[in-house]
């Protein structure tokens, strides 16, 4: 099985940028789809973005389209989430999740993902 760890969270002012990383260990990342989800205090965990095993299929939540970009480097076993034009409502714990399989499409459903990181806090101040 694969083990994933997020990094790159922090405190940023509204309008600023952060880049999150999801690092995999245990198995090669190239066989996995990867999703980012987030959970704000008092709210349900929600889908943010996902990328299939090859990087050829991407999906974004409407709330982040045009501001967030997901990318992967399978040679380095890394997936990145570039977050620009951050808003206070983006404040949440961000989770990386992996799903084994070379699916042609990406899943936006949290229960489809088998391996989860511990999360990294992103706080956007107004």
Protein backbone atom coordinates (compact mmCIF):
# COMPACT_ATOMS: atom_id res chain seq x y z
CA UNK A 1 0.00 0.00 0.00
CA UNK A 2 1.02 3.62 -0.40
CA UNK A 3 1.58 6.13 2.37
CA UNK A 4 0.91 9.80 1.65
CA UNK A 5 2.07 12.89 3.51
CA UNK A 6 1.00 16.47 2.88
CA UNK A 7 3.17 19.54 3.35
CA UNK A 8 3.20 23.22 2.48
CA UNK A 9 0.31 24.54 4.50
CA UNK A 10 0.50 27.77 6.44
CA UNK A 11 -0.91 31.22 7.04
CA UNK A 12 -1.33 33.57 4.10
CA UNK A 13 -3.18 36.80 3.43
CA UNK A 14 -6.15 36.92 1.12
CA UNK A 15 -4.99 37.13 -2.47
CA UNK A 16 -1.81 35.25 -1.71
CA UNK A 17 -0.57 31.86 -2.86
CA UNK A 18 0.53 28.57 -1.37
CA UNK A 19 1.73 25.33 -2.88
CA UNK A 20 0.86 22.09 -1.18
CA UNK A 21 2.73 18.88 -1.83
CA UNK A 22 1.63 15.29 -1.43
CA UNK A 23 4.50 12.86 -1.16
CA UNK A 24 4.06 9.13 -1.56
CA UNK A 25 6.11 6.31 -0.13
CA UNK A 26 5.78 2.57 -0.06
CA UNK A 27 4.79 2.10 -3.68
CA UNK A 28 5.24 3.99 -6.89
CA UNK A 29 2.72 6.78 -7.20
CA UNK A 30 2.18 6.30 -10.91
CA UNK A 31 -0.44 3.62 -10.34
CA UNK A 32 -2.66 5.89 -8.26
CA UNK A 33 -5.16 8.64 -8.83
CA UNK A 34 -4.77 11.43 -6.29
CA UNK A 35 -7.34 13.79 -4.89
CA UNK A 36 -7.25 16.81 -2.62
CA UNK A 37 -10.07 17.35 -0.18
CA UNK A 38 -10.54 19.94 2.54
CA UNK A 39 -12.47 20.31 5.73
CA UNK A 40 -13.24 23.57 7.45
CA UNK A 41 -14.31 23.72 11.10
CA UNK A 42 -17.91 22.65 11.51
CA UNK A 43 -18.24 21.62 7.87
CA UNK A 44 -18.21 18.39 5.91
CA UNK A 45 -15.12 17.29 4.06
CA UNK A 46 -15.37 18.51 0.48
CA UNK A 47 -13.72 17.73 -2.82
CA UNK A 48 -11.19 20.23 -4.14
CA UNK A 49 -9.40 18.68 -7.10
CA UNK A 50 -8.15 15.36 -8.45
CA UNK A 51 -5.76 14.00 -11.04
CA UNK A 52 -5.70 10.57 -12.63
CA UNK A 53 -2.66 8.31 -12.71
CA UNK A 54 -1.15 9.82 -15.85
CA UNK A 55 -2.03 13.43 -15.22
CA UNK A 56 -4.20 13.45 -18.30
CA UNK A 57 -7.51 13.83 -16.51
CA UNK A 58 -8.17 16.60 -14.00
CA UNK A 59 -11.21 17.65 -12.02
CA UNK A 60 -11.85 20.79 -9.97
CA UNK A 61 -14.56 21.96 -7.64
CA UNK A 62 -16.34 25.01 -9.02
CA UNK A 63 -15.21 27.02 -6.02
CA UNK A 64 -11.52 26.68 -6.97
CA UNK A 65 -11.60 26.62 -10.77
CA UNK A 66 -9.27 29.17 -12.24
CA UNK A 67 -7.43 29.62 -8.94
CA UNK A 68 -6.07 26.17 -8.05
CA UNK A 69 -3.96 23.88 -10.21
CA UNK A 70 -3.13 20.24 -9.59
CA UNK A 71 -0.12 18.57 -11.15
CA UNK A 72 1.96 15.47 -10.60
CA UNK A 73 5.53 14.32 -11.04
CA UNK A 74 5.46 10.53 -11.02
CA UNK A 75 9.24 10.32 -11.23
CA UNK A 76 9.42 12.08 -7.86
CA UNK A 77 6.31 10.45 -6.38
CA UNK A 78 4.81 13.88 -5.82
CA UNK A 79 1.51 15.62 -6.47
CA UNK A 80 1.26 19.39 -6.16
CA UNK A 81 -1.61 21.73 -5.47
CA UNK A 82 -0.86 25.30 -6.47
CA UNK A 83 -3.34 27.67 -4.82
CA UNK A 84 -3.53 31.25 -6.06
CA UNK A 85 -5.84 34.15 -5.25
CA UNK A 86 -6.63 32.58 -1.91
CA UNK A 87 -9.76 33.62 -0.06
CA UNK A 88 -10.67 33.39 3.62
CA UNK A 89 -13.23 30.74 2.70
CA UNK A 90 -10.37 28.52 1.51
CA UNK A 91 -9.30 28.15 5.15
CA UNK A 92 -9.40 24.45 6.02
CA UNK A 93 -7.35 21.36 6.66
CA UNK A 94 -6.31 20.02 3.27
CA UNK A 95 -6.00 16.29 2.77
CA UNK A 96 -4.28 14.32 0.06
CA UNK A 97 -5.82 10.97 -0.82
CA UNK A 98 -4.77 8.19 -3.17
CA UNK A 99 -6.81 5.67 -5.08
CA UNK A 100 -5.14 2.66 -6.66
CA UNK A 101 -5.92 2.06 -10.29
CA UNK A 102 -5.32 3.51 -13.72
CA UNK A 103 -8.79 4.85 -14.20
CA UNK A 104 -9.56 6.92 -17.23
CA UNK A 105 -11.61 9.39 -15.22
CA UNK A 106 -11.08 11.06 -11.88
CA UNK A 107 -13.32 10.59 -8.88
CA UNK A 108 -14.65 13.47 -6.80
CA UNK A 109 -16.00 11.13 -4.10
CA UNK A 110 -14.02 10.81 -0.90
CA UNK A 111 -15.08 7.22 -0.27
CA UNK A 112 -13.43 6.14 -3.52
CA UNK A 113 -10.01 6.97 -2.08
CA UNK A 114 -8.27 4.39 0.07
CA UNK A 115 -5.19 6.13 1.44
CA UNK A 116 -5.26 9.42 3.25
CA UNK A 117 -2.69 11.74 4.75
CA UNK A 118 -2.97 13.48 8.09
CA UNK A 119 -3.76 16.83 6.53
CA UNK A 120 -2.10 20.22 6.45
CA UNK A 121 -3.67 23.43 7.74
CA UNK A 122 -4.23 26.32 5.37
CA UNK A 123 -5.35 29.59 6.93
CA UNK A 124 -6.20 32.61 4.82
CA UNK A 125 -6.56 35.89 6.67
CA UNK A 126 -8.72 38.73 5.42
